[in-house]
PDB file of N, CA and C in Angstrom:
ATOM      1  N   MET A   1       0.853  -1.175   0.000  1.00  0.00           N
ATOM      2  CA  MET A   1       0.000   0.000   0.000  1.00  0.00           C
ATOM      3  C   MET A   1       0.898   1.236   0.000  1.00  0.00           C
ATOM      4  N   ALA A   2       0.653   2.137  -0.915  1.00  0.00           N
ATOM      5  CA  ALA A   2       1.459   3.358  -1.003  1.00  0.00           C
ATOM      6  C   ALA A   2       1.013   4.345   0.069  1.00  0.00           C
ATOM      7  N   SER A   3       1.978   5.002   0.679  1.00  0.00           N
ATOM      8  CA  SER A   3       1.630   6.004   1.679  1.00  0.00           C
ATOM      9  C   SER A   3       1.347   7.327   0.980  1.00  0.00           C
ATOM     10  N   ARG A   4       0.435   8.068   1.519  1.00  0.00           N
ATOM     11  CA  ARG A   4       0.074   9.358   0.953  1.00  0.00           C
ATOM     12  C   ARG A   4       0.709  10.447   1.784  1.00  0.00           C
ATOM     13  N   MET A   5       1.391  11.351   1.129  1.00  0.00           N
ATOM     14  CA  MET A   5       1.992  12.462   1.826  1.00  0.00           C
ATOM     15  C   MET A   5       0.995  13.618   1.872  1.00  0.00           C
ATOM     16  N   THR A   6       0.796  14.164   3.020  1.00  0.00           N
ATOM     17  CA  THR A   6      -0.088  15.309   3.130  1.00  0.00           C
ATOM     18  C   THR A   6       0.757  16.559   3.351  1.00  0.00           C
ATOM     19  N   ILE A   7       0.421  17.579   2.624  1.00  0.00           N
ATOM     20  CA  ILE A   7       1.119  18.850   2.746  1.00  0.00           C
ATOM     21  C   ILE A   7       0.215  19.792   3.523  1.00  0.00           C
ATOM     22  N   PRO A   8       0.717  20.335   4.619  1.00  0.00           N
ATOM     23  CA  PRO A   8      -0.129  21.242   5.400  1.00  0.00           C
ATOM     24  C   PRO A   8      -0.435  22.525   4.635  1.00  0.00           C
ATOM     25  N   LEU A   9      -1.591  23.087   4.906  1.00  0.00           N
ATOM     26  CA  LEU A   9      -1.941  24.362   4.289  1.00  0.00           C
ATOM     27  C   LEU A   9      -1.004  25.449   4.792  1.00  0.00           C
ATOM     28  N   PRO A  10      -0.588  26.340   3.904  1.00  0.00           N
ATOM     29  CA  PRO A  10       0.241  27.443   4.380  1.00  0.00           C
ATOM     30  C   PRO A  10      -0.581  28.396   5.235  1.00  0.00           C
ATOM     31  N   ARG A  11       0.052  29.041   6.166  1.00  0.00           N
ATOM     32  CA  ARG A  11      -0.643  30.009   7.015  1.00  0.00           C
ATOM     33  C   ARG A  11      -0.896  31.306   6.266  1.00  0.00           C
ATOM     34  N   VAL A  12       0.044  31.689   5.412  1.00  0.00           N
ATOM     35  CA  VAL A  12      -0.051  32.938   4.658  1.00  0.00           C
ATOM     36  C   VAL A  12      -0.446  32.626   3.223  1.00  0.00           C
ATOM     37  N   LEU A  13      -1.492  33.300   2.753  1.00  0.00           N
ATOM     38  CA  LEU A  13      -2.028  33.057   1.421  1.00  0.00           C
ATOM     39  C   LEU A  13      -2.042  34.348   0.600  1.00  0.00           C
ATOM     40  N   ARG A  14      -1.787  34.233  -0.680  1.00  0.00           N
ATOM     41  CA  ARG A  14      -1.965  35.355  -1.609  1.00  0.00           C
ATOM     42  C   ARG A  14      -3.443  35.413  -1.989  1.00  0.00           C
ATOM     43  N   ALA A  15      -3.842  36.445  -2.710  1.00  0.00           N
ATOM     44  CA  ALA A  15      -5.266  36.670  -3.002  1.00  0.00           C
ATOM     45  C   ALA A  15      -5.929  35.462  -3.653  1.00  0.00           C
ATOM     46  N   GLY A  16      -5.278  34.852  -4.632  1.00  0.00           N
ATOM     47  CA  GLY A  16      -5.873  33.701  -5.301  1.00  0.00           C
ATOM     48  C   GLY A  16      -6.083  32.523  -4.368  1.00  0.00           C
ATOM     49  N   GLY A  17      -5.074  32.231  -3.555  1.00  0.00           N
ATOM     50  CA  GLY A  17      -5.182  31.134  -2.595  1.00  0.00           C
ATOM     51  C   GLY A  17      -6.183  31.443  -1.495  1.00  0.00           C
ATOM     52  N   ALA A  18      -6.214  32.699  -1.052  1.00  0.00           N
ATOM     53  CA  ALA A  18      -7.176  33.101  -0.025  1.00  0.00           C
ATOM     54  C   ALA A  18      -8.598  32.988  -0.556  1.00  0.00           C
ATOM     55  N   ALA A  19      -8.793  33.387  -1.813  1.00  0.00           N
ATOM     56  CA  ALA A  19     -10.118  33.279  -2.425  1.00  0.00           C
ATOM     57  C   ALA A  19     -10.570  31.828  -2.501  1.00  0.00           C
ATOM     58  N   GLU A  20      -9.683  30.981  -2.962  1.00  0.00           N
ATOM     59  CA  GLU A  20     -10.017  29.557  -3.065  1.00  0.00           C
ATOM     60  C   GLU A  20     -10.295  28.964  -1.680  1.00  0.00           C
ATOM     61  N   TYR A  21      -9.453  29.284  -0.724  1.00  0.00           N
ATOM     62  CA  TYR A  21      -9.610  28.765   0.637  1.00  0.00           C
ATOM     63  C   TYR A  21     -10.955  29.182   1.245  1.00  0.00           C
ATOM     64  N   ALA A  22     -11.342  30.442   0.995  1.00  0.00           N
ATOM     65  CA  ALA A  22     -12.575  30.964   1.585  1.00  0.00           C
ATOM     66  C   ALA A  22     -13.819  30.637   0.764  1.00  0.00           C
ATOM     67  N   GLY A  23     -13.634  30.021  -0.403  1.00  0.00           N
ATOM     68  CA  GLY A  23     -14.778  29.589  -1.195  1.00  0.00           C
ATOM     69  C   GLY A  23     -15.279  30.594  -2.213  1.00  0.00           C
ATOM     70  N   TYR A  24     -14.488  31.600  -2.535  1.00  0.00           N
ATOM     71  CA  TYR A  24     -14.873  32.564  -3.562  1.00  0.00           C
ATOM     72  C   TYR A  24     -14.443  32.042  -4.922  1.00  0.00           C
ATOM     73  N   LYS A  25     -15.197  32.412  -5.954  1.00  0.00           N
ATOM     74  CA  LYS A  25     -14.895  31.924  -7.300  1.00  0.00           C
ATOM     75  C   LYS A  25     -13.611  32.525  -7.854  1.00  0.00           C
ATOM     76  N   THR A  26     -13.379  33.788  -7.557  1.00  0.00           N
ATOM     77  CA  THR A  26     -12.208  34.464  -8.107  1.00  0.00           C
ATOM     78  C   THR A  26     -11.532  35.322  -7.040  1.00  0.00           C
ATOM     79  N   ALA A  27     -10.294  35.706  -7.335  1.00  0.00           N
ATOM     80  CA  ALA A  27      -9.578  36.618  -6.437  1.00  0.00           C
ATOM     81  C   ALA A  27     -10.292  37.972  -6.394  1.00  0.00           C
ATOM     82  N   LYS A  28     -10.890  38.372  -7.503  1.00  0.00           N
ATOM     83  CA  LYS A  28     -11.622  39.641  -7.546  1.00  0.00           C
ATOM     84  C   LYS A  28     -12.834  39.599  -6.604  1.00  0.00           C
ATOM     85  N   ASP A  29     -13.537  38.482  -6.579  1.00  0.00           N
ATOM     86  CA  ASP A  29     -14.667  38.324  -5.648  1.00  0.00           C
ATOM     87  C   ASP A  29     -14.174  38.415  -4.201  1.00  0.00           C
ATOM     88  N   PHE A  30     -13.038  37.783  -3.944  1.00  0.00           N
ATOM     89  CA  PHE A  30     -12.472  37.837  -2.595  1.00  0.00           C
ATOM     90  C   PHE A  30     -12.096  39.275  -2.236  1.00  0.00           C
ATOM     91  N   GLN A  31     -11.487  39.995  -3.173  1.00  0.00           N
ATOM     92  CA  GLN A  31     -11.098  41.387  -2.932  1.00  0.00           C
ATOM     93  C   GLN A  31     -12.331  42.252  -2.643  1.00  0.00           C
ATOM     94  N   ARG A  32     -13.443  41.971  -3.303  1.00  0.00           N
ATOM     95  CA  ARG A  32     -14.694  42.692  -3.007  1.00  0.00           C
ATOM     96  C   ARG A  32     -15.151  42.397  -1.578  1.00  0.00           C
ATOM     97  N   ALA A  33     -15.022  41.147  -1.165  1.00  0.00           N
ATOM     98  CA  ALA A  33     -15.403  40.781   0.202  1.00  0.00           C
ATOM     99  C   ALA A  33     -14.504  41.485   1.216  1.00  0.00           C
ATOM    100  N   VAL A  34     -13.242  41.654   0.883  1.00  0.00           N
ATOM    101  CA  VAL A  34     -12.326  42.397   1.748  1.00  0.00           C
ATOM    102  C   VAL A  34     -12.754  43.853   1.811  1.00  0.00           C
ATOM    103  N   ALA A  35     -13.058  44.441   0.659  1.00  0.00           N
ATOM    104  CA  ALA A  35     -13.434  45.852   0.589  1.00  0.00           C
ATOM    105  C   ALA A  35     -14.693  46.165   1.396  1.00  0.00           C
ATOM    106  N   CYS A  36     -15.642  45.230   1.434  1.00  0.00           N
ATOM    107  CA  CYS A  36     -16.879  45.485   2.178  1.00  0.00           C
ATOM    108  C   CYS A  36     -16.789  45.034   3.635  1.00  0.00           C
ATOM    109  N   GLY A  37     -15.662  44.463   4.034  1.00  0.00           N
ATOM    110  CA  GLY A  37     -15.475  44.069   5.426  1.00  0.00           C
ATOM    111  C   GLY A  37     -15.905  42.663   5.756  1.00  0.00           C
ATOM    112  N   GLU A  38     -16.333  41.915   4.753  1.00  0.00           N
ATOM    113  CA  GLU A  38     -16.753  40.532   4.983  1.00  0.00           C
ATOM    114  C   GLU A  38     -15.549  39.635   5.278  1.00  0.00           C
ATOM    115  N   MET A  39     -14.430  39.931   4.631  1.00  0.00           N
ATOM    116  CA  MET A  39     -13.179  39.203   4.842  1.00  0.00           C
ATOM    117  C   MET A  39     -12.143  40.175   5.405  1.00  0.00           C
ATOM    118  N   PRO A  40     -11.141  39.652   6.104  1.00  0.00           N
ATOM    119  CA  PRO A  40     -10.141  40.531   6.735  1.00  0.00           C
ATOM    120  C   PRO A  40      -9.248  41.206   5.692  1.00  0.00           C
ATOM    121  N   PRO A  41      -8.692  42.350   6.062  1.00  0.00           N
ATOM    122  CA  PRO A  41      -7.769  43.009   5.142  1.00  0.00           C
ATOM    123  C   PRO A  41      -6.460  42.235   5.045  1.00  0.00           C
ATOM    124  N   GLY A  42      -5.795  42.420   3.929  1.00  0.00           N
ATOM    125  CA  GLY A  42      -4.493  41.793   3.762  1.00  0.00           C
ATOM    126  C   GLY A  42      -3.414  42.575   4.506  1.00  0.00           C
ATOM    127  N   PHE A  43      -2.230  42.022   4.505  1.00  0.00           N
ATOM    128  CA  PHE A  43      -1.082  42.700   5.098  1.00  0.00           C
ATOM    129  C   PHE A  43       0.105  42.498   4.167  1.00  0.00           C
ATOM    130  N   ASP A  44       1.109  43.354   4.324  1.00  0.00           N
ATOM    131  CA  ASP A  44       2.291  43.253   3.476  1.00  0.00           C
ATOM    132  C   ASP A  44       3.174  42.114   3.965  1.00  0.00           C
ATOM    133  N   HIS A  45       3.466  41.192   3.072  1.00  0.00           N
ATOM    134  CA  HIS A  45       4.317  40.055   3.421  1.00  0.00           C
ATOM    135  C   HIS A  45       5.181  39.714   2.217  1.00  0.00           C
ATOM    136  N   ALA A  46       6.467  39.772   2.410  1.00  0.00           N
ATOM    137  CA  ALA A  46       7.428  39.424   1.354  1.00  0.00           C
ATOM    138  C   ALA A  46       7.173  40.219   0.072  1.00  0.00           C
ATOM    139  N   GLY A  47       6.823  41.492   0.248  1.00  0.00           N
ATOM    140  CA  GLY A  47       6.663  42.366  -0.899  1.00  0.00           C
ATOM    141  C   GLY A  47       5.328  42.314  -1.603  1.00  0.00           C
ATOM    142  N   GLY A  48       4.327  41.712  -1.006  1.00  0.00           N
ATOM    143  CA  GLY A  48       3.010  41.653  -1.637  1.00  0.00           C
ATOM    144  C   GLY A  48       1.903  41.494  -0.619  1.00  0.00           C
ATOM    145  N   ASP A  49       0.673  41.677  -1.076  1.00  0.00           N
ATOM    146  CA  ASP A  49      -0.481  41.497  -0.195  1.00  0.00           C
ATOM    147  C   ASP A  49      -0.651  40.024   0.144  1.00  0.00           C
ATOM    148  N   ALA A  50      -0.978  39.762   1.393  1.00  0.00           N
ATOM    149  CA  ALA A  50      -1.166  38.397   1.860  1.00  0.00           C
ATOM    150  C   ALA A  50      -2.263  38.378   2.921  1.00  0.00           C
ATOM    151  N   TRP A  51      -2.813  37.185   3.166  1.00  0.00           N
ATOM    152  CA  TRP A  51      -3.857  37.008   4.172  1.00  0.00           C
ATOM    153  C   TRP A  51      -3.490  35.855   5.085  1.00  0.00           C
ATOM    154  N   ASP A  52      -3.824  36.028   6.345  1.00  0.00           N
ATOM    155  CA  ASP A  52      -3.592  35.001   7.353  1.00  0.00           C
ATOM    156  C   ASP A  52      -4.772  34.030   7.309  1.00  0.00           C
ATOM    157  N   ARG A  53      -4.495  32.779   7.067  1.00  0.00           N
ATOM    158  CA  ARG A  53      -5.544  31.753   6.965  1.00  0.00           C
ATOM    159  C   ARG A  53      -6.410  31.706   8.223  1.00  0.00           C
ATOM    160  N   LEU A  54      -5.815  31.922   9.382  1.00  0.00           N
ATOM    161  CA  LEU A  54      -6.591  31.866  10.627  1.00  0.00           C
ATOM    162  C   LEU A  54      -7.559  33.045  10.738  1.00  0.00           C
ATOM    163  N   GLU A  55      -7.172  34.213  10.206  1.00  0.00           N
ATOM    164  CA  GLU A  55      -8.095  35.350  10.192  1.00  0.00           C
ATOM    165  C   GLU A  55      -9.249  35.090   9.229  1.00  0.00           C
ATOM    166  N   ILE A  56      -8.981  34.416   8.139  1.00  0.00           N
ATOM    167  CA  ILE A  56     -10.055  34.040   7.211  1.00  0.00           C
ATOM    168  C   ILE A  56     -11.008  33.073   7.905  1.00  0.00           C
ATOM    169  N   ASP A  57     -10.466  32.122   8.661  1.00  0.00           N
ATOM    170  CA  ASP A  57     -11.311  31.199   9.431  1.00  0.00           C
ATOM    171  C   ASP A  57     -12.221  31.967  10.386  1.00  0.00           C
ATOM    172  N   ASP A  58     -11.660  32.958  11.089  1.00  0.00           N
ATOM    173  CA  ASP A  58     -12.453  33.763  12.028  1.00  0.00           C
ATOM    174  C   ASP A  58     -13.575  34.507  11.303  1.00  0.00           C
ATOM    175  N   ALA A  59     -13.265  35.073  10.123  1.00  0.00           N
ATOM    176  CA  ALA A  59     -14.272  35.797   9.360  1.00  0.00           C
ATOM    177  C   ALA A  59     -15.394  34.859   8.912  1.00  0.00           C
ATOM    178  N   ILE A  60     -15.034  33.661   8.507  1.00  0.00           N
ATOM    179  CA  ILE A  60     -16.046  32.685   8.092  1.00  0.00           C
ATOM    180  C   ILE A  60     -16.912  32.290   9.284  1.00  0.00           C
ATOM    181  N   ASP A  61     -16.311  32.116  10.452  1.00  0.00           N
ATOM    182  CA  ASP A  61     -17.088  31.806  11.652  1.00  0.00           C
ATOM    183  C   ASP A  61     -18.088  32.918  11.962  1.00  0.00           C
ATOM    184  N   LEU A  62     -17.671  34.183  11.793  1.00  0.00           N
ATOM    185  CA  LEU A  62     -18.590  35.299  12.021  1.00  0.00           C
ATOM    186  C   LEU A  62     -19.736  35.288  11.012  1.00  0.00           C
ATOM    187  N   LEU A  63     -19.419  35.001   9.761  1.00  0.00           N
ATOM    188  CA  LEU A  63     -20.472  34.920   8.752  1.00  0.00           C
ATOM    189  C   LEU A  63     -21.468  33.810   9.076  1.00  0.00           C
ATOM    190  N   LYS A  64     -20.954  32.677   9.521  1.00  0.00           N
ATOM    191  CA  LYS A  64     -21.831  31.557   9.879  1.00  0.00           C
ATOM    192  C   LYS A  64     -22.732  31.917  11.051  1.00  0.00           C
ATOM    193  N   SER A  65     -22.182  32.564  12.060  1.00  0.00           N
ATOM    194  CA  SER A  65     -23.001  32.898  13.229  1.00  0.00           C
ATOM    195  C   SER A  65     -24.049  33.948  12.873  1.00  0.00           C
ATOM    196  N   ALA A  66     -23.726  34.893  11.986  1.00  0.00           N
ATOM    197  CA  ALA A  66     -24.709  35.886  11.541  1.00  0.00           C
ATOM    198  C   ALA A  66     -25.825  35.214  10.765  1.00  0.00           C
ATOM    199  N   THR A  67     -25.499  34.234   9.954  1.00  0.00           N
ATOM    200  CA  THR A  67     -26.505  33.507   9.188  1.00  0.00           C
ATOM    201  C   THR A  67     -27.433  32.748  10.120  1.00  0.00           C
ATOM    202  N   LYS A  68     -26.865  32.123  11.143  1.00  0.00           N
ATOM    203  CA  LYS A  68     -27.700  31.390  12.103  1.00  0.00           C
ATOM    204  C   LYS A  68     -28.644  32.338  12.830  1.00  0.00           C
ATOM    205  N   ARG A  69     -28.171  33.528  13.201  1.00  0.00           N
ATOM    206  CA  ARG A  69     -29.042  34.506  13.867  1.00  0.00           C
ATOM    207  C   ARG A  69     -30.171  34.926  12.930  1.00  0.00           C
ATOM    208  N   ASN A  70     -29.877  35.123  11.657  1.00  0.00           N
ATOM    209  CA  ASN A  70     -30.912  35.512  10.697  1.00  0.00           C
ATOM    210  C   ASN A  70     -31.959  34.413  10.546  1.00  0.00           C
ATOM    211  N   TYR A  71     -31.536  33.164  10.507  1.00  0.00           N
ATOM    212  CA  TYR A  71     -32.489  32.069  10.399  1.00  0.00           C
ATOM    213  C   TYR A  71     -33.400  32.032  11.621  1.00  0.00           C
ATOM    214  N   ARG A  72     -32.828  32.195  12.801  1.00  0.00           N
ATOM    215  CA  ARG A  72     -33.651  32.177  14.014  1.00  0.00           C
ATOM    216  C   ARG A  72     -34.646  33.335  13.998  1.00  0.00           C
ATOM    217  N   TRP A  73     -34.190  34.514  13.552  1.00  0.00           N
ATOM    218  CA  TRP A  73     -35.072  35.660  13.489  1.00  0.00           C
ATOM    219  C   TRP A  73     -36.227  35.381  12.533  1.00  0.00           C
ATOM    220  N   GLN A  74     -35.953  34.793  11.380  1.00  0.00           N
ATOM    221  CA  GLN A  74     -36.997  34.501  10.404  1.00  0.00           C
ATOM    222  C   GLN A  74     -37.985  33.484  10.966  1.00  0.00           C
ATOM    223  N   GLU A  75     -37.480  32.487  11.680  1.00  0.00           N
ATOM    224  CA  GLU A  75     -38.369  31.479  12.258  1.00  0.00           C
ATOM    225  C   GLU A  75     -39.270  32.112  13.317  1.00  0.00           C
ATOM    226  N   GLN A  76     -38.717  32.982  14.146  1.00  0.00           N
ATOM    227  CA  GLN A  76     -39.519  33.630  15.186  1.00  0.00           C
ATOM    228  C   GLN A  76     -40.573  34.554  14.564  1.00  0.00           C
ATOM    229  N   GLY A  77     -40.171  35.269  13.508  1.00  0.00           N
ATOM    230  CA  GLY A  77     -41.108  36.180  12.840  1.00  0.00           C
ATOM    231  C   GLY A  77     -42.274  35.435  12.212  1.00  0.00           C
ATOM    232  N   ALA A  78     -42.031  34.259  11.720  1.00  0.00           N
ATOM    233  CA  ALA A  78     -43.100  33.489  11.072  1.00  0.00           C
ATOM    234  C   ALA A  78     -44.172  33.085  12.078  1.00  0.00           C
ATOM    235  N   HIS A  79     -43.821  32.927  13.342  1.00  0.00           N
ATOM    236  CA  HIS A  79     -44.791  32.487  14.351  1.00  0.00           C
ATOM    237  C   HIS A  79     -45.633  33.637  14.878  1.00  0.00           C
ATOM    238  N   ARG A  80     -45.228  34.872  14.580  1.00  0.00           N
ATOM    239  CA  ARG A  80     -45.964  36.025  15.112  1.00  0.00           C
ATOM    240  C   ARG A  80     -47.131  36.432  14.239  1.00  0.00           C
ATOM    241  N   VAL A  81     -47.292  35.850  13.086  1.00  0.00           N
ATOM    242  CA  VAL A  81     -48.333  36.280  12.156  1.00  0.00           C
ATOM    243  C   VAL A  81     -49.701  35.930  12.671  1.00  0.00           C
TER     244      VAL A  81
END
């Protein structure tokens, strides 16, 4: 049986990798999410813009919790009619 080598995800991602990691179709879509505050801003790393994978994880967690709150609000509103 052949062993499979796993390569850990890098902590620092460029726009394309950050977009893919966060589930955006393109780097431009990811940059729009950064501009509106949905995703964290980049930082200068090795002469270019970069994103911390853990900050992207935190932003996704916030988006998930906001979505859950919206669902609960919609469910509660439906019962008040």
